[in-house]
Amino acid sequence: LRDHGLVTTSPCGRFTYYRLAAGAFDALHDLV
């Protein structure tokens, strides 16, 4: 999902948080 630009990450201590990338569903629409 990261490699396709659909999610982004932010480190917080020993954890990595994931969130939907801006325009992710637009990118997904283009893939489909």
PDB file of all heavy atoms in Angstrom:
ATOM      1  N   LEU A   1       0.830  -1.209   0.000  1.00  0.00           N
ATOM      2  CA  LEU A   1       0.000   0.000   0.000  1.00  0.00           C
ATOM      3  C   LEU A   1       0.864   1.259   0.000  1.00  0.00           C
ATOM      4  O   LEU A   1       0.527   2.237  -0.687  1.00  0.00           O
ATOM      5  CB  LEU A   1      -0.948  -0.012   1.202  1.00  0.00           C
ATOM      6  CG  LEU A   1      -2.030  -1.098   1.161  1.00  0.00           C
ATOM      7  CD1 LEU A   1      -2.773  -1.157   2.489  1.00  0.00           C
ATOM      8  CD2 LEU A   1      -2.982  -0.874   0.001  1.00  0.00           C
ATOM      9  N   ARG A   2       1.965   1.245   0.732  1.00  0.00           N
ATOM     10  CA  ARG A   2       2.894   2.389   0.726  1.00  0.00           C
ATOM     11  C   ARG A   2       3.528   2.569  -0.644  1.00  0.00           C
ATOM     12  O   ARG A   2       3.610   3.676  -1.167  1.00  0.00           O
ATOM     13  CB  ARG A   2       4.006   2.190   1.766  1.00  0.00           C
ATOM     14  CG  ARG A   2       3.684   2.665   3.133  1.00  0.00           C
ATOM     15  CD  ARG A   2       4.920   2.749   4.038  1.00  0.00           C
ATOM     16  NE  ARG A   2       5.953   1.773   3.776  1.00  0.00           N
ATOM     17  CZ  ARG A   2       6.084   0.607   4.406  1.00  0.00           C
ATOM     18  NH1 ARG A   2       5.238   0.268   5.351  1.00  0.00           N
ATOM     19  NH2 ARG A   2       7.065  -0.205   4.114  1.00  0.00           N
ATOM     20  N   ASP A   3       3.983   1.461  -1.233  1.00  0.00           N
ATOM     21  CA  ASP A   3       4.640   1.516  -2.538  1.00  0.00           C
ATOM     22  C   ASP A   3       3.720   2.077  -3.625  1.00  0.00           C
ATOM     23  O   ASP A   3       4.189   2.669  -4.587  1.00  0.00           O
ATOM     24  CB  ASP A   3       5.142   0.132  -2.956  1.00  0.00           C
ATOM     25  CG  ASP A   3       6.332  -0.341  -2.137  1.00  0.00           C
ATOM     26  OD1 ASP A   3       6.915   0.472  -1.387  1.00  0.00           O
ATOM     27  OD2 ASP A   3       6.664  -1.540  -2.239  1.00  0.00           O
ATOM     28  N   HIS A   4       2.425   1.885  -3.467  1.00  0.00           N
ATOM     29  CA  HIS A   4       1.453   2.407  -4.430  1.00  0.00           C
ATOM     30  C   HIS A   4       0.938   3.796  -4.054  1.00  0.00           C
ATOM     31  O   HIS A   4       0.036   4.322  -4.702  1.00  0.00           O
ATOM     32  CB  HIS A   4       0.285   1.430  -4.591  1.00  0.00           C
ATOM     33  CG  HIS A   4       0.638   0.248  -5.436  1.00  0.00           C
ATOM     34  ND1 HIS A   4       1.174  -0.904  -4.895  1.00  0.00           N
ATOM     35  CD2 HIS A   4       0.586   0.056  -6.772  1.00  0.00           C
ATOM     36  CE1 HIS A   4       1.409  -1.762  -5.876  1.00  0.00           C
ATOM     37  NE2 HIS A   4       1.065  -1.204  -7.020  1.00  0.00           N
ATOM     38  N   GLY A   5       1.489   4.360  -2.970  1.00  0.00           N
ATOM     39  CA  GLY A   5       1.117   5.715  -2.576  1.00  0.00           C
ATOM     40  C   GLY A   5      -0.257   5.841  -1.944  1.00  0.00           C
ATOM     41  O   GLY A   5      -0.825   6.925  -1.896  1.00  0.00           O
ATOM     42  N   LEU A   6      -0.781   4.730  -1.414  1.00  0.00           N
ATOM     43  CA  LEU A   6      -2.120   4.755  -0.827  1.00  0.00           C
ATOM     44  C   LEU A   6      -2.108   5.073   0.663  1.00  0.00           C
ATOM     45  O   LEU A   6      -3.105   5.550   1.194  1.00  0.00           O
ATOM     46  CB  LEU A   6      -2.832   3.427  -1.076  1.00  0.00           C
ATOM     47  CG  LEU A   6      -3.061   3.105  -2.553  1.00  0.00           C
ATOM     48  CD1 LEU A   6      -3.595   1.690  -2.710  1.00  0.00           C
ATOM     49  CD2 LEU A   6      -4.000   4.115  -3.179  1.00  0.00           C
ATOM     50  N   VAL A   7      -0.997   4.781   1.347  1.00  0.00           N
ATOM     51  CA  VAL A   7      -0.879   5.106   2.766  1.00  0.00           C
ATOM     52  C   VAL A   7       0.443   5.821   3.019  1.00  0.00           C
ATOM     53  O   VAL A   7       1.409   5.661   2.266  1.00  0.00           O
ATOM     54  CB  VAL A   7      -0.989   3.856   3.683  1.00  0.00           C
ATOM     55  CG1 VAL A   7      -2.317   3.165   3.521  1.00  0.00           C
ATOM     56  CG2 VAL A   7       0.142   2.898   3.444  1.00  0.00           C
ATOM     57  N   THR A   8       0.472   6.611   4.085  1.00  0.00           N
ATOM     58  CA  THR A   8       1.690   7.275   4.523  1.00  0.00           C
ATOM     59  C   THR A   8       1.948   6.863   5.965  1.00  0.00           C
ATOM     60  O   THR A   8       1.058   6.348   6.644  1.00  0.00           O
ATOM     61  CB  THR A   8       1.575   8.808   4.421  1.00  0.00           C
ATOM     62  OG1 THR A   8       0.503   9.251   5.242  1.00  0.00           O
ATOM     63  CG2 THR A   8       1.347   9.242   2.986  1.00  0.00           C
ATOM     64  N   THR A   9       3.169   7.103   6.422  1.00  0.00           N
ATOM     65  CA  THR A   9       3.553   6.684   7.766  1.00  0.00           C
ATOM     66  C   THR A   9       4.086   7.859   8.562  1.00  0.00           C
ATOM     67  O   THR A   9       4.538   8.858   8.007  1.00  0.00           O
ATOM     68  CB  THR A   9       4.654   5.612   7.714  1.00  0.00           C
ATOM     69  OG1 THR A   9       5.813   6.161   7.105  1.00  0.00           O
ATOM     70  CG2 THR A   9       4.202   4.381   6.962  1.00  0.00           C
ATOM     71  N   SER A  10       4.002   7.699   9.884  1.00  0.00           N
ATOM     72  CA  SER A  10       4.660   8.640  10.785  1.00  0.00           C
ATOM     73  C   SER A  10       5.147   7.846  11.994  1.00  0.00           C
ATOM     74  O   SER A  10       4.374   7.125  12.638  1.00  0.00           O
ATOM     75  CB  SER A  10       3.721   9.773  11.205  1.00  0.00           C
ATOM     76  OG  SER A  10       2.574   9.275  11.825  1.00  0.00           O
ATOM     77  N   PRO A  11       6.458   7.933  12.290  1.00  0.00           N
ATOM     78  CA  PRO A  11       7.001   7.204  13.431  1.00  0.00           C
ATOM     79  C   PRO A  11       6.611   7.879  14.736  1.00  0.00           C
ATOM     80  O   PRO A  11       6.483   9.097  14.813  1.00  0.00           O
ATOM     81  CB  PRO A  11       8.515   7.269  13.205  1.00  0.00           C
ATOM     82  CG  PRO A  11       8.721   8.473  12.360  1.00  0.00           C
ATOM     83  CD  PRO A  11       7.476   8.658  11.553  1.00  0.00           C
ATOM     84  N   CYS A  12       6.377   7.061  15.741  1.00  0.00           N
ATOM     85  CA  CYS A  12       6.059   7.568  17.077  1.00  0.00           C
ATOM     86  C   CYS A  12       6.691   6.593  18.074  1.00  0.00           C
ATOM     87  O   CYS A  12       6.103   5.542  18.371  1.00  0.00           O
ATOM     88  CB  CYS A  12       4.552   7.666  17.267  1.00  0.00           C
ATOM     89  SG  CYS A  12       4.073   8.361  18.849  1.00  0.00           S
ATOM     90  N   GLY A  13       7.896   6.929  18.521  1.00  0.00           N
ATOM     91  CA  GLY A  13       8.610   6.013  19.405  1.00  0.00           C
ATOM     92  C   GLY A  13       8.952   4.743  18.666  1.00  0.00           C
ATOM     93  O   GLY A  13       9.494   4.777  17.567  1.00  0.00           O
ATOM     94  N   ARG A  14       8.601   3.606  19.232  1.00  0.00           N
ATOM     95  CA  ARG A  14       8.894   2.334  18.574  1.00  0.00           C
ATOM     96  C   ARG A  14       7.778   1.876  17.647  1.00  0.00           C
ATOM     97  O   ARG A  14       7.857   0.805  17.054  1.00  0.00           O
ATOM     98  CB  ARG A  14       9.213   1.257  19.600  1.00  0.00           C
ATOM     99  CG  ARG A  14       8.081   0.936  20.518  1.00  0.00           C
ATOM    100  CD  ARG A  14       8.509  -0.056  21.597  1.00  0.00           C
ATOM    101  NE  ARG A  14       7.341  -0.478  22.333  1.00  0.00           N
ATOM    102  CZ  ARG A  14       6.947  -1.724  22.467  1.00  0.00           C
ATOM    103  NH1 ARG A  14       7.654  -2.685  21.924  1.00  0.00           N
ATOM    104  NH2 ARG A  14       5.871  -2.022  23.145  1.00  0.00           N
ATOM    105  N   PHE A  15       6.740   2.673  17.506  1.00  0.00           N
ATOM    106  CA  PHE A  15       5.608   2.338  16.655  1.00  0.00           C
ATOM    107  C   PHE A  15       5.615   3.167  15.379  1.00  0.00           C
ATOM    108  O   PHE A  15       6.151   4.273  15.347  1.00  0.00           O
ATOM    109  CB  PHE A  15       4.283   2.574  17.389  1.00  0.00           C
ATOM    110  CG  PHE A  15       4.120   1.718  18.599  1.00  0.00           C
ATOM    111  CD1 PHE A  15       4.324   2.242  19.863  1.00  0.00           C
ATOM    112  CD2 PHE A  15       3.794   0.374  18.485  1.00  0.00           C
ATOM    113  CE1 PHE A  15       4.188   1.453  20.991  1.00  0.00           C
ATOM    114  CE2 PHE A  15       3.655  -0.424  19.607  1.00  0.00           C
ATOM    115  CZ  PHE A  15       3.855   0.113  20.865  1.00  0.00           C
ATOM    116  N   THR A  16       5.009   2.640  14.346  1.00  0.00           N
ATOM    117  CA  THR A  16       4.793   3.382  13.111  1.00  0.00           C
ATOM    118  C   THR A  16       3.287   3.477  12.906  1.00  0.00           C
ATOM    119  O   THR A  16       2.581   2.467  12.943  1.00  0.00           O
ATOM    120  CB  THR A  16       5.430   2.661  11.905  1.00  0.00           C
ATOM    121  OG1 THR A  16       6.837   2.567  12.137  1.00  0.00           O
ATOM    122  CG2 THR A  16       5.173   3.411  10.618  1.00  0.00           C
ATOM    123  N   TYR A  17       2.814   4.694  12.728  1.00  0.00           N
ATOM    124  CA  TYR A  17       1.395   4.913  12.489  1.00  0.00           C
ATOM    125  C   TYR A  17       1.150   5.102  11.004  1.00  0.00           C
ATOM    126  O   TYR A  17       1.950   5.727  10.315  1.00  0.00           O
ATOM    127  CB  TYR A  17       0.906   6.131  13.273  1.00  0.00           C
ATOM    128  CG  TYR A  17       0.639   5.787  14.722  1.00  0.00           C
ATOM    129  CD1 TYR A  17       1.668   5.737  15.643  1.00  0.00           C
ATOM    130  CD2 TYR A  17      -0.647   5.479  15.148  1.00  0.00           C
ATOM    131  CE1 TYR A  17       1.440   5.392  16.956  1.00  0.00           C
ATOM    132  CE2 TYR A  17      -0.888   5.138  16.468  1.00  0.00           C
ATOM    133  CZ  TYR A  17       0.156   5.095  17.367  1.00  0.00           C
ATOM    134  OH  TYR A  17      -0.084   4.752  18.665  1.00  0.00           O
ATOM    135  N   TYR A  18       0.053   4.549  10.545  1.00  0.00           N
ATOM    136  CA  TYR A  18      -0.322   4.610   9.140  1.00  0.00           C
ATOM    137  C   TYR A  18      -1.598   5.413   8.993  1.00  0.00           C
ATOM    138  O   TYR A  18      -2.482   5.356   9.845  1.00  0.00           O
ATOM    139  CB  TYR A  18      -0.552   3.192   8.589  1.00  0.00           C
ATOM    140  CG  TYR A  18       0.716   2.385   8.557  1.00  0.00           C
ATOM    141  CD1 TYR A  18       1.174   1.714   9.682  1.00  0.00           C
ATOM    142  CD2 TYR A  18       1.462   2.313   7.396  1.00  0.00           C
ATOM    143  CE1 TYR A  18       2.347   0.998   9.658  1.00  0.00           C
ATOM    144  CE2 TYR A  18       2.643   1.591   7.353  1.00  0.00           C
ATOM    145  CZ  TYR A  18       3.074   0.933   8.488  1.00  0.00           C
ATOM    146  OH  TYR A  18       4.242   0.224   8.457  1.00  0.00           O
ATOM    147  N   ARG A  19      -1.668   6.148   7.894  1.00  0.00           N
ATOM    148  CA  ARG A  19      -2.900   6.880   7.578  1.00  0.00           C
ATOM    149  C   ARG A  19      -3.085   6.849   6.078  1.00  0.00           C
ATOM    150  O   ARG A  19      -2.131   6.640   5.314  1.00  0.00           O
ATOM    151  CB  ARG A  19      -2.855   8.299   8.115  1.00  0.00           C
ATOM    152  CG  ARG A  19      -1.849   9.189   7.464  1.00  0.00           C
ATOM    153  CD  ARG A  19      -1.876  10.598   8.089  1.00  0.00           C
ATOM    154  NE  ARG A  19      -0.620  11.284   7.868  1.00  0.00           N
ATOM    155  CZ  ARG A  19       0.496  11.113   8.558  1.00  0.00           C
ATOM    156  NH1 ARG A  19       0.523  10.252   9.546  1.00  0.00           N
ATOM    157  NH2 ARG A  19       1.581  11.781   8.272  1.00  0.00           N
ATOM    158  N   LEU A  20      -4.305   7.055   5.690  1.00  0.00           N
ATOM    159  CA  LEU A  20      -4.634   7.100   4.276  1.00  0.00           C
ATOM    160  C   LEU A  20      -3.963   8.323   3.657  1.00  0.00           C
ATOM    161  O   LEU A  20      -4.032   9.418   4.216  1.00  0.00           O
ATOM    162  CB  LEU A  20      -6.156   7.200   4.135  1.00  0.00           C
ATOM    163  CG  LEU A  20      -6.792   6.706   2.860  1.00  0.00           C
ATOM    164  CD1 LEU A  20      -6.455   5.250   2.599  1.00  0.00           C
ATOM    165  CD2 LEU A  20      -8.280   6.895   2.942  1.00  0.00           C
ATOM    166  N   ALA A  21      -3.309   8.140   2.539  1.00  0.00           N
ATOM    167  CA  ALA A  21      -2.661   9.256   1.852  1.00  0.00           C
ATOM    168  C   ALA A  21      -3.731  10.155   1.230  1.00  0.00           C
ATOM    169  O   ALA A  21      -4.800   9.683   0.835  1.00  0.00           O
ATOM    170  CB  ALA A  21      -1.726   8.731   0.767  1.00  0.00           C
ATOM    171  N   ALA A  22      -3.424  11.446   1.188  1.00  0.00           N
ATOM    172  CA  ALA A  22      -4.338  12.387   0.544  1.00  0.00           C
ATOM    173  C   ALA A  22      -4.551  11.947  -0.901  1.00  0.00           C
ATOM    174  O   ALA A  22      -3.599  11.651  -1.619  1.00  0.00           O
ATOM    175  CB  ALA A  22      -3.755  13.793   0.596  1.00  0.00           C
ATOM    176  N   GLY A  23      -5.796  11.845  -1.301  1.00  0.00           N
ATOM    177  CA  GLY A  23      -6.128  11.435  -2.663  1.00  0.00           C
ATOM    178  C   GLY A  23      -5.961   9.948  -2.915  1.00  0.00           C
ATOM    179  O   GLY A  23      -5.921   9.511  -4.058  1.00  0.00           O
ATOM    180  N   ALA A  24      -5.865   9.152  -1.841  1.00  0.00           N
ATOM    181  CA  ALA A  24      -5.631   7.715  -2.000  1.00  0.00           C
ATOM    182  C   ALA A  24      -6.724   7.043  -2.815  1.00  0.00           C
ATOM    183  O   ALA A  24      -6.438   6.201  -3.662  1.00  0.00           O
ATOM    184  CB  ALA A  24      -5.514   7.036  -0.641  1.00  0.00           C
ATOM    185  N   PHE A  25      -7.959   7.411  -2.572  1.00  0.00           N
ATOM    186  CA  PHE A  25      -9.037   6.766  -3.319  1.00  0.00           C
ATOM    187  C   PHE A  25      -9.060   7.237  -4.767  1.00  0.00           C
ATOM    188  O   PHE A  25      -9.486   6.510  -5.651  1.00  0.00           O
ATOM    189  CB  PHE A  25     -10.384   6.964  -2.623  1.00  0.00           C
ATOM    190  CG  PHE A  25     -10.528   6.081  -1.408  1.00  0.00           C
ATOM    191  CD1 PHE A  25     -10.600   6.638  -0.144  1.00  0.00           C
ATOM    192  CD2 PHE A  25     -10.562   4.707  -1.517  1.00  0.00           C
ATOM    193  CE1 PHE A  25     -10.707   5.822   0.977  1.00  0.00           C
ATOM    194  CE2 PHE A  25     -10.666   3.889  -0.413  1.00  0.00           C
ATOM    195  CZ  PHE A  25     -10.738   4.455   0.845  1.00  0.00           C
ATOM    196  N   ASP A  26      -8.538   8.439  -5.026  1.00  0.00           N
ATOM    197  CA  ASP A  26      -8.386   8.888  -6.413  1.00  0.00           C
ATOM    198  C   ASP A  26      -7.353   8.015  -7.120  1.00  0.00           C
ATOM    199  O   ASP A  26      -7.566   7.583  -8.248  1.00  0.00           O
ATOM    200  CB  ASP A  26      -7.933  10.345  -6.472  1.00  0.00           C
ATOM    201  CG  ASP A  26      -8.989  11.303  -5.907  1.00  0.00           C
ATOM    202  OD1 ASP A  26     -10.178  10.926  -5.871  1.00  0.00           O
ATOM    203  OD2 ASP A  26      -8.601  12.407  -5.503  1.00  0.00           O
ATOM    204  N   ALA A  27      -6.236   7.756  -6.434  1.00  0.00           N
ATOM    205  CA  ALA A  27      -5.196   6.895  -7.002  1.00  0.00           C
ATOM    206  C   ALA A  27      -5.721   5.481  -7.208  1.00  0.00           C
ATOM    207  O   ALA A  27      -5.421   4.833  -8.210  1.00  0.00           O
ATOM    208  CB  ALA A  27      -3.972   6.884  -6.092  1.00  0.00           C
ATOM    209  N   LEU A  28      -6.500   4.995  -6.264  1.00  0.00           N
ATOM    210  CA  LEU A  28      -7.085   3.665  -6.374  1.00  0.00           C
ATOM    211  C   LEU A  28      -8.026   3.597  -7.562  1.00  0.00           C
ATOM    212  O   LEU A  28      -8.032   2.639  -8.328  1.00  0.00           O
ATOM    213  CB  LEU A  28      -7.817   3.310  -5.081  1.00  0.00           C
ATOM    214  CG  LEU A  28      -8.344   1.902  -4.948  1.00  0.00           C
ATOM    215  CD1 LEU A  28      -7.210   0.892  -5.046  1.00  0.00           C
ATOM    216  CD2 LEU A  28      -9.081   1.736  -3.644  1.00  0.00           C
ATOM    217  N   HIS A  29      -8.815   4.643  -7.744  1.00  0.00           N
ATOM    218  CA  HIS A  29      -9.738   4.713  -8.882  1.00  0.00           C
ATOM    219  C   HIS A  29      -8.968   4.621 -10.205  1.00  0.00           C
ATOM    220  O   HIS A  29      -9.374   3.917 -11.118  1.00  0.00           O
ATOM    221  CB  HIS A  29     -10.551   6.001  -8.821  1.00  0.00           C
ATOM    222  CG  HIS A  29     -11.512   6.150  -9.949  1.00  0.00           C
ATOM    223  ND1 HIS A  29     -11.167   6.770 -11.119  1.00  0.00           N
ATOM    224  CD2 HIS A  29     -12.784   5.716 -10.093  1.00  0.00           C
ATOM    225  CE1 HIS A  29     -12.198   6.741 -11.941  1.00  0.00           C
ATOM    226  NE2 HIS A  29     -13.186   6.108 -11.338  1.00  0.00           N
ATOM    227  N   ASP A  30      -7.837   5.317 -10.256  1.00  0.00           N
ATOM    228  CA  ASP A  30      -7.029   5.302 -11.478  1.00  0.00           C
ATOM    229  C   ASP A  30      -6.436   3.913 -11.744  1.00  0.00           C
ATOM    230  O   ASP A  30      -6.310   3.512 -12.905  1.00  0.00           O
ATOM    231  CB  ASP A  30      -5.889   6.331 -11.387  1.00  0.00           C
ATOM    232  CG  ASP A  30      -6.415   7.757 -11.400  1.00  0.00           C
ATOM    233  OD1 ASP A  30      -7.585   7.963 -11.811  1.00  0.00           O
ATOM    234  OD2 ASP A  30      -5.663   8.665 -10.994  1.00  0.00           O
ATOM    235  N   LEU A  31      -6.101   3.179 -10.679  1.00  0.00           N
ATOM    236  CA  LEU A  31      -5.575   1.823 -10.836  1.00  0.00           C
ATOM    237  C   LEU A  31      -6.620   0.873 -11.368  1.00  0.00           C
ATOM    238  O   LEU A  31      -6.322  -0.030 -12.144  1.00  0.00           O
ATOM    239  CB  LEU A  31      -5.031   1.297  -9.503  1.00  0.00           C
ATOM    240  CG  LEU A  31      -3.724   1.897  -9.011  1.00  0.00           C
ATOM    241  CD1 LEU A  31      -3.423   1.391  -7.604  1.00  0.00           C
ATOM    242  CD2 LEU A  31      -2.582   1.570  -9.937  1.00  0.00           C
ATOM    243  N   VAL A  32      -7.844   1.061 -10.913  1.00  0.00           N
ATOM    244  CA  VAL A  32      -8.929   0.178 -11.329  1.00  0.00           C
ATOM    245  C   VAL A  32      -9.350   0.561 -12.726  1.00  0.00           C
ATOM    246  O   VAL A  32      -9.546  -0.156 -13.618  1.00  0.00           O
ATOM    247  CB  VAL A  32     -10.125   0.268 -10.357  1.00  0.00           C
ATOM    248  CG1 VAL A  32     -11.285  -0.556 -10.858  1.00  0.00           C
ATOM    249  CG2 VAL A  32      -9.705  -0.192  -8.987  1.00  0.00           C
TER     250      VAL A  32
END
